[in-house]
Amino acid sequence: MDGSWNIINQNYPNILRLGGAAGTAHHQTQKGLLWTPPAYPHRFYSNAPITQDRGGIEVGRFSLHNRYAWKDSLEMVVEAGLPSVVFHWFTGSSSALDALVAAGYYISATPAAEYHQEHRRAIKEAPLSRLLLETDCPVEYGRESRFRSAPEHIFKSLEAVAEVKGLDQIAVAEQTTGNA
């Protein structure tokens, strides 16, 4: 990671747009206990400036992997002052979804929207204006039939969102493309 920061800093005058990704995750044990590596929030804060304004460079969107850490993640991105964040493959509570939407952030819909009930619920509850489509490739998806996601699987995400929200696929495609 330090090598990436060195490249960014060395090429700073030529950079037009920066974006970033990070993860904050709690791990669920079989007993339902949650655990977060204690050093992780420090790494998140040290990486967050990639999406903050750097003298004329367009600020990019920050993709946040945040399994079971939705509220903690929201607090961190707000505190870090990140202007545009996507909560990747969101499966959090309705109250966490309401809070991140109120903060102006987005959630993404992945091909898991075909079958993952928590992801489907979040997609149904999220305003279409706060939703993005993604493939998360190359990741394994599916319950009955497994597949390794690829860029063309964006249509699986699109079809699932349209079905869950009871909307036309073209309307979903137009709005989510506009959101991007």
C-alpha atoms as a PDB file:
ATOM      1  CA  MET A   1       0.000   0.000   0.000  1.00  0.00           C
ATOM      2  CA  ASP A   2       2.830   2.409   0.774  1.00  0.00           C
ATOM      3  CA  GLY A   3       4.158   1.875  -2.758  1.00  0.00           C
ATOM      4  CA  SER A   4       0.807   2.989  -4.176  1.00  0.00           C
ATOM      5  CA  TRP A   5       0.892   6.173  -2.116  1.00  0.00           C
ATOM      6  CA  ASN A   6       4.412   6.878  -3.349  1.00  0.00           C
ATOM      7  CA  ILE A   7       3.268   6.558  -6.970  1.00  0.00           C
ATOM      8  CA  ILE A   8       0.305   8.880  -6.328  1.00  0.00           C
ATOM      9  CA  ASN A   9       2.480  11.485  -4.611  1.00  0.00           C
ATOM     10  CA  GLN A  10       5.177  11.339  -7.321  1.00  0.00           C
ATOM     11  CA  ASN A  11       2.616  11.777 -10.099  1.00  0.00           C
ATOM     12  CA  TYR A  12       0.353  14.221  -8.280  1.00  0.00           C
ATOM     13  CA  PRO A  13       0.591  17.028 -10.901  1.00  0.00           C
ATOM     14  CA  ASN A  14      -0.617  14.672 -13.665  1.00  0.00           C
ATOM     15  CA  ILE A  15      -3.508  13.028 -11.825  1.00  0.00           C
ATOM     16  CA  LEU A  16      -6.978  14.069 -12.953  1.00  0.00           C
ATOM     17  CA  ARG A  17      -9.152  11.795 -10.823  1.00  0.00           C
ATOM     18  CA  LEU A  18      -8.585   9.732  -7.704  1.00  0.00           C
ATOM     19  CA  GLY A  19     -10.788   7.074  -6.186  1.00  0.00           C
ATOM     20  CA  GLY A  20     -10.266   4.458  -3.569  1.00  0.00           C
ATOM     21  CA  ALA A  21     -11.474   1.326  -1.880  1.00  0.00           C
ATOM     22  CA  ALA A  22     -11.107  -0.013   1.606  1.00  0.00           C
ATOM     23  CA  GLY A  23     -12.722  -2.486   3.887  1.00  0.00           C
ATOM     24  CA  THR A  24     -13.969  -2.490   7.403  1.00  0.00           C
ATOM     25  CA  ALA A  25     -15.399  -5.783   8.487  1.00  0.00           C
ATOM     26  CA  HIS A  26     -16.607  -7.469  11.585  1.00  0.00           C
ATOM     27  CA  HIS A  27     -16.414 -11.223  11.407  1.00  0.00           C
ATOM     28  CA  GLN A  28     -19.368 -13.192  12.659  1.00  0.00           C
ATOM     29  CA  THR A  29     -18.513 -16.258  14.676  1.00  0.00           C
ATOM     30  CA  GLN A  30     -20.731 -19.297  15.055  1.00  0.00           C
ATOM     31  CA  LYS A  31     -21.943 -17.886  18.376  1.00  0.00           C
ATOM     32  CA  GLY A  32     -22.870 -14.584  16.734  1.00  0.00           C
ATOM     33  CA  LEU A  33     -20.065 -12.599  18.333  1.00  0.00           C
ATOM     34  CA  LEU A  34     -18.526  -9.800  16.333  1.00  0.00           C
ATOM     35  CA  TRP A  35     -14.821  -9.061  16.128  1.00  0.00           C
ATOM     36  CA  THR A  36     -12.807  -6.418  14.338  1.00  0.00           C
ATOM     37  CA  PRO A  37      -9.027  -6.452  14.035  1.00  0.00           C
ATOM     38  CA  PRO A  38      -7.996  -3.603  16.377  1.00  0.00           C
ATOM     39  CA  ALA A  39      -5.544  -1.968  13.960  1.00  0.00           C
ATOM     40  CA  TYR A  40      -7.915  -1.814  11.021  1.00  0.00           C
ATOM     41  CA  PRO A  41      -9.619   1.553  11.635  1.00  0.00           C
ATOM     42  CA  HIS A  42      -6.163   3.183  11.678  1.00  0.00           C
ATOM     43  CA  ARG A  43      -5.447   1.793   8.182  1.00  0.00           C
ATOM     44  CA  PHE A  44      -8.817   3.069   6.980  1.00  0.00           C
ATOM     45  CA  TYR A  45      -8.115   6.595   8.170  1.00  0.00           C
ATOM     46  CA  SER A  46      -4.615   6.577   6.736  1.00  0.00           C
ATOM     47  CA  ASN A  47      -5.984   5.543   3.312  1.00  0.00           C
ATOM     48  CA  ALA A  48      -9.052   7.783   3.222  1.00  0.00           C
ATOM     49  CA  PRO A  49      -7.321  10.965   1.955  1.00  0.00           C
ATOM     50  CA  ILE A  50      -7.151   9.466  -1.539  1.00  0.00           C
ATOM     51  CA  THR A  51     -10.695  10.707  -2.124  1.00  0.00           C
ATOM     52  CA  GLN A  52     -10.359  14.106  -0.489  1.00  0.00           C
ATOM     53  CA  ASP A  53      -9.820  17.254  -2.554  1.00  0.00           C
ATOM     54  CA  ARG A  54      -6.185  17.640  -3.578  1.00  0.00           C
ATOM     55  CA  GLY A  55      -5.993  21.014  -5.286  1.00  0.00           C
ATOM     56  CA  GLY A  56      -8.066  20.694  -8.444  1.00  0.00           C
ATOM     57  CA  ILE A  57      -8.008  16.907  -8.778  1.00  0.00           C
ATOM     58  CA  GLU A  58     -11.508  15.581  -9.268  1.00  0.00           C
ATOM     59  CA  VAL A  59     -12.544  13.620  -6.220  1.00  0.00           C
ATOM     60  CA  GLY A  60     -13.515  10.051  -7.057  1.00  0.00           C
ATOM     61  CA  ARG A  61     -16.003   7.739  -5.453  1.00  0.00           C
ATOM     62  CA  PHE A  62     -14.813   5.553  -2.589  1.00  0.00           C
ATOM     63  CA  SER A  63     -15.976   1.907  -2.538  1.00  0.00           C
ATOM     64  CA  LEU A  64     -16.277   0.513   0.962  1.00  0.00           C
ATOM     65  CA  HIS A  65     -16.390  -3.178   1.796  1.00  0.00           C
ATOM     66  CA  ASN A  66     -18.044  -3.219   5.198  1.00  0.00           C
ATOM     67  CA  ARG A  67     -19.470  -6.595   6.109  1.00  0.00           C
ATOM     68  CA  TYR A  68     -21.208  -6.490   9.517  1.00  0.00           C
ATOM     69  CA  ALA A  69     -19.611  -3.083  10.184  1.00  0.00           C
ATOM     70  CA  TRP A  70     -22.178  -0.793   8.593  1.00  0.00           C
ATOM     71  CA  LYS A  71     -22.603   1.731  11.410  1.00  0.00           C
ATOM     72  CA  ASP A  72     -18.881   1.823  12.231  1.00  0.00           C
ATOM     73  CA  SER A  73     -18.096   2.298   8.539  1.00  0.00           C
ATOM     74  CA  LEU A  74     -20.597   5.128   8.204  1.00  0.00           C
ATOM     75  CA  GLU A  75     -19.117   6.905  11.229  1.00  0.00           C
ATOM     76  CA  MET A  76     -15.618   6.560   9.761  1.00  0.00           C
ATOM     77  CA  VAL A  77     -16.456   7.910   6.303  1.00  0.00           C
ATOM     78  CA  VAL A  78     -18.387  10.834   7.765  1.00  0.00           C
ATOM     79  CA  GLU A  79     -15.521  11.630  10.146  1.00  0.00           C
ATOM     80  CA  ALA A  80     -12.992  11.320   7.312  1.00  0.00           C
ATOM     81  CA  GLY A  81     -15.054  13.755   5.232  1.00  0.00           C
ATOM     82  CA  LEU A  82     -15.401  11.465   2.229  1.00  0.00           C
ATOM     83  CA  PRO A  83     -17.795  13.126  -0.210  1.00  0.00           C
ATOM     84  CA  SER A  84     -18.917  10.102  -2.243  1.00  0.00           C
ATOM     85  CA  VAL A  85     -18.994   6.562  -0.887  1.00  0.00           C
ATOM     86  CA  VAL A  86     -20.516   3.311  -2.149  1.00  0.00           C
ATOM     87  CA  PHE A  87     -21.327   0.748   0.521  1.00  0.00           C
ATOM     88  CA  HIS A  88     -20.428  -2.372  -1.459  1.00  0.00           C
ATOM     89  CA  TRP A  89     -22.890  -5.320  -1.475  1.00  0.00           C
ATOM     90  CA  PHE A  90     -24.855  -3.750   1.384  1.00  0.00           C
ATOM     91  CA  THR A  91     -26.792  -6.165   3.598  1.00  0.00           C
ATOM     92  CA  GLY A  92     -27.103  -4.024   6.716  1.00  0.00           C
ATOM     93  CA  SER A  93     -30.104  -3.024   8.762  1.00  0.00           C
ATOM     94  CA  SER A  94     -32.827  -0.685   7.574  1.00  0.00           C
ATOM     95  CA  SER A  95     -31.706   1.945  10.083  1.00  0.00           C
ATOM     96  CA  ALA A  96     -28.098   1.780   8.823  1.00  0.00           C
ATOM     97  CA  LEU A  97     -29.379   2.080   5.242  1.00  0.00           C
ATOM     98  CA  ASP A  98     -31.509   5.102   6.170  1.00  0.00           C
ATOM     99  CA  ALA A  99     -28.493   6.772   7.808  1.00  0.00           C
ATOM    100  CA  LEU A 100     -26.129   6.255   4.886  1.00  0.00           C
ATOM    101  CA  VAL A 101     -28.752   7.414   2.370  1.00  0.00           C
ATOM    102  CA  ALA A 102     -29.410  10.505   4.528  1.00  0.00           C
ATOM    103  CA  ALA A 103     -25.655  11.180   4.440  1.00  0.00           C
ATOM    104  CA  GLY A 104     -25.808  11.147   0.617  1.00  0.00           C
ATOM    105  CA  TYR A 105     -24.025   7.839   0.089  1.00  0.00           C
ATOM    106  CA  TYR A 106     -24.848   4.882  -2.174  1.00  0.00           C
ATOM    107  CA  ILE A 107     -25.199   1.120  -1.964  1.00  0.00           C
ATOM    108  CA  SER A 108     -24.258  -1.282  -4.733  1.00  0.00           C
ATOM    109  CA  ALA A 109     -26.221  -4.195  -6.106  1.00  0.00           C
ATOM    110  CA  THR A 110     -24.198  -7.250  -7.078  1.00  0.00           C
ATOM    111  CA  PRO A 111     -25.271 -10.494  -8.790  1.00  0.00           C
ATOM    112  CA  ALA A 112     -26.027 -11.774  -5.266  1.00  0.00           C
ATOM    113  CA  ALA A 113     -29.250  -9.764  -5.597  1.00  0.00           C
ATOM    114  CA  GLU A 114     -30.604 -12.792  -7.451  1.00  0.00           C
ATOM    115  CA  TYR A 115     -30.731 -14.871  -4.250  1.00  0.00           C
ATOM    116  CA  HIS A 116     -29.308 -13.195  -1.114  1.00  0.00           C
ATOM    117  CA  GLN A 117     -32.316 -12.176   0.995  1.00  0.00           C
ATOM    118  CA  GLU A 118     -30.616  -9.450   3.075  1.00  0.00           C
ATOM    119  CA  HIS A 119     -29.120  -7.894  -0.066  1.00  0.00           C
ATOM    120  CA  ARG A 120     -32.514  -8.035  -1.818  1.00  0.00           C
ATOM    121  CA  ARG A 121     -34.210  -6.358   1.156  1.00  0.00           C
ATOM    122  CA  ALA A 122     -31.667  -3.524   1.171  1.00  0.00           C
ATOM    123  CA  ILE A 123     -32.067  -3.013  -2.585  1.00  0.00           C
ATOM    124  CA  LYS A 124     -35.847  -2.907  -2.240  1.00  0.00           C
ATOM    125  CA  GLU A 125     -35.636  -0.324   0.557  1.00  0.00           C
ATOM    126  CA  ALA A 126     -32.955   1.881  -1.037  1.00  0.00           C
ATOM    127  CA  PRO A 127     -34.074   4.750  -3.241  1.00  0.00           C
ATOM    128  CA  LEU A 128     -33.105   4.042  -6.855  1.00  0.00           C
ATOM    129  CA  SER A 129     -31.277   7.398  -6.803  1.00  0.00           C
ATOM    130  CA  ARG A 130     -28.836   5.925  -4.232  1.00  0.00           C
ATOM    131  CA  LEU A 131     -28.192   2.619  -5.995  1.00  0.00           C
ATOM    132  CA  LEU A 132     -25.338   1.499  -8.265  1.00  0.00           C
ATOM    133  CA  LEU A 133     -24.851  -1.768 -10.158  1.00  0.00           C
ATOM    134  CA  GLU A 134     -21.658  -3.807 -10.025  1.00  0.00           C
ATOM    135  CA  THR A 135     -20.312  -7.286 -10.736  1.00  0.00           C
ATOM    136  CA  ASP A 136     -17.634  -7.445  -8.030  1.00  0.00           C
ATOM    137  CA  CYS A 137     -15.659  -9.642 -10.405  1.00  0.00           C
ATOM    138  CA  PRO A 138     -13.961 -11.999 -10.185  1.00  0.00           C
ATOM    139  CA  VAL A 139     -16.005 -13.403  -7.293  1.00  0.00           C
ATOM    140  CA  GLU A 140     -17.923 -16.678  -7.040  1.00  0.00           C
ATOM    141  CA  TYR A 141     -21.712 -16.226  -6.887  1.00  0.00           C
ATOM    142  CA  GLY A 142     -24.753 -18.451  -6.868  1.00  0.00           C
ATOM    143  CA  ARG A 143     -26.488 -20.941  -4.639  1.00  0.00           C
ATOM    144  CA  GLU A 144     -27.756 -23.762  -6.877  1.00  0.00           C
ATOM    145  CA  SER A 145     -25.458 -23.025  -9.787  1.00  0.00           C
ATOM    146  CA  ARG A 146     -22.155 -21.315  -9.066  1.00  0.00           C
ATOM    147  CA  PHE A 147     -20.455 -18.918 -11.464  1.00  0.00           C
ATOM    148  CA  ARG A 148     -17.401 -16.690 -11.429  1.00  0.00           C
ATOM    149  CA  SER A 149     -18.556 -13.128 -12.068  1.00  0.00           C
ATOM    150  CA  ALA A 150     -17.337 -11.233 -15.114  1.00  0.00           C
ATOM    151  CA  PRO A 151     -18.153  -7.775 -16.530  1.00  0.00           C
ATOM    152  CA  GLU A 152     -21.078  -9.123 -18.576  1.00  0.00           C
ATOM    153  CA  HIS A 153     -22.761 -10.198 -15.334  1.00  0.00           C
ATOM    154  CA  ILE A 154     -23.737  -6.575 -14.754  1.00  0.00           C
ATOM    155  CA  PHE A 155     -26.958  -7.685 -16.446  1.00  0.00           C
ATOM    156  CA  LYS A 156     -27.580 -10.160 -13.613  1.00  0.00           C
ATOM    157  CA  SER A 157     -27.389  -7.235 -11.176  1.00  0.00           C
ATOM    158  CA  LEU A 158     -29.662  -5.136 -13.402  1.00  0.00           C
ATOM    159  CA  GLU A 159     -32.265  -7.883 -13.827  1.00  0.00           C
ATOM    160  CA  ALA A 160     -32.325  -8.624 -10.097  1.00  0.00           C
ATOM    161  CA  VAL A 161     -32.738  -4.956  -9.133  1.00  0.00           C
ATOM    162  CA  ALA A 162     -35.546  -4.469 -11.663  1.00  0.00           C
ATOM    163  CA  GLU A 163     -37.308  -7.576 -10.352  1.00  0.00           C
ATOM    164  CA  VAL A 164     -36.888  -6.668  -6.654  1.00  0.00           C
ATOM    165  CA  LYS A 165     -38.065  -3.091  -7.187  1.00  0.00           C
ATOM    166  CA  GLY A 166     -40.811  -4.000  -9.680  1.00  0.00           C
ATOM    167  CA  LEU A 167     -39.373  -1.623 -12.278  1.00  0.00           C
ATOM    168  CA  ASP A 168     -38.540  -1.772 -15.956  1.00  0.00           C
ATOM    169  CA  GLN A 169     -34.911  -2.739 -16.647  1.00  0.00           C
ATOM    170  CA  ILE A 170     -34.395   0.299 -18.891  1.00  0.00           C
ATOM    171  CA  ALA A 171     -35.524   2.667 -16.131  1.00  0.00           C
ATOM    172  CA  VAL A 172     -33.160   0.978 -13.655  1.00  0.00           C
ATOM    173  CA  ALA A 173     -30.281   1.058 -16.150  1.00  0.00           C
ATOM    174  CA  GLU A 174     -30.807   4.741 -16.939  1.00  0.00           C
ATOM    175  CA  GLN A 175     -31.046   5.826 -13.300  1.00  0.00           C
ATOM    176  CA  THR A 176     -28.130   3.740 -12.012  1.00  0.00           C
ATOM    177  CA  THR A 177     -25.945   4.831 -14.923  1.00  0.00           C
ATOM    178  CA  GLY A 178     -26.823   8.419 -14.094  1.00  0.00           C
ATOM    179  CA  ASN A 179     -25.940   7.761 -10.457  1.00  0.00           C
ATOM    180  CA  ALA A 180     -22.515   6.497 -11.479  1.00  0.00           C
END
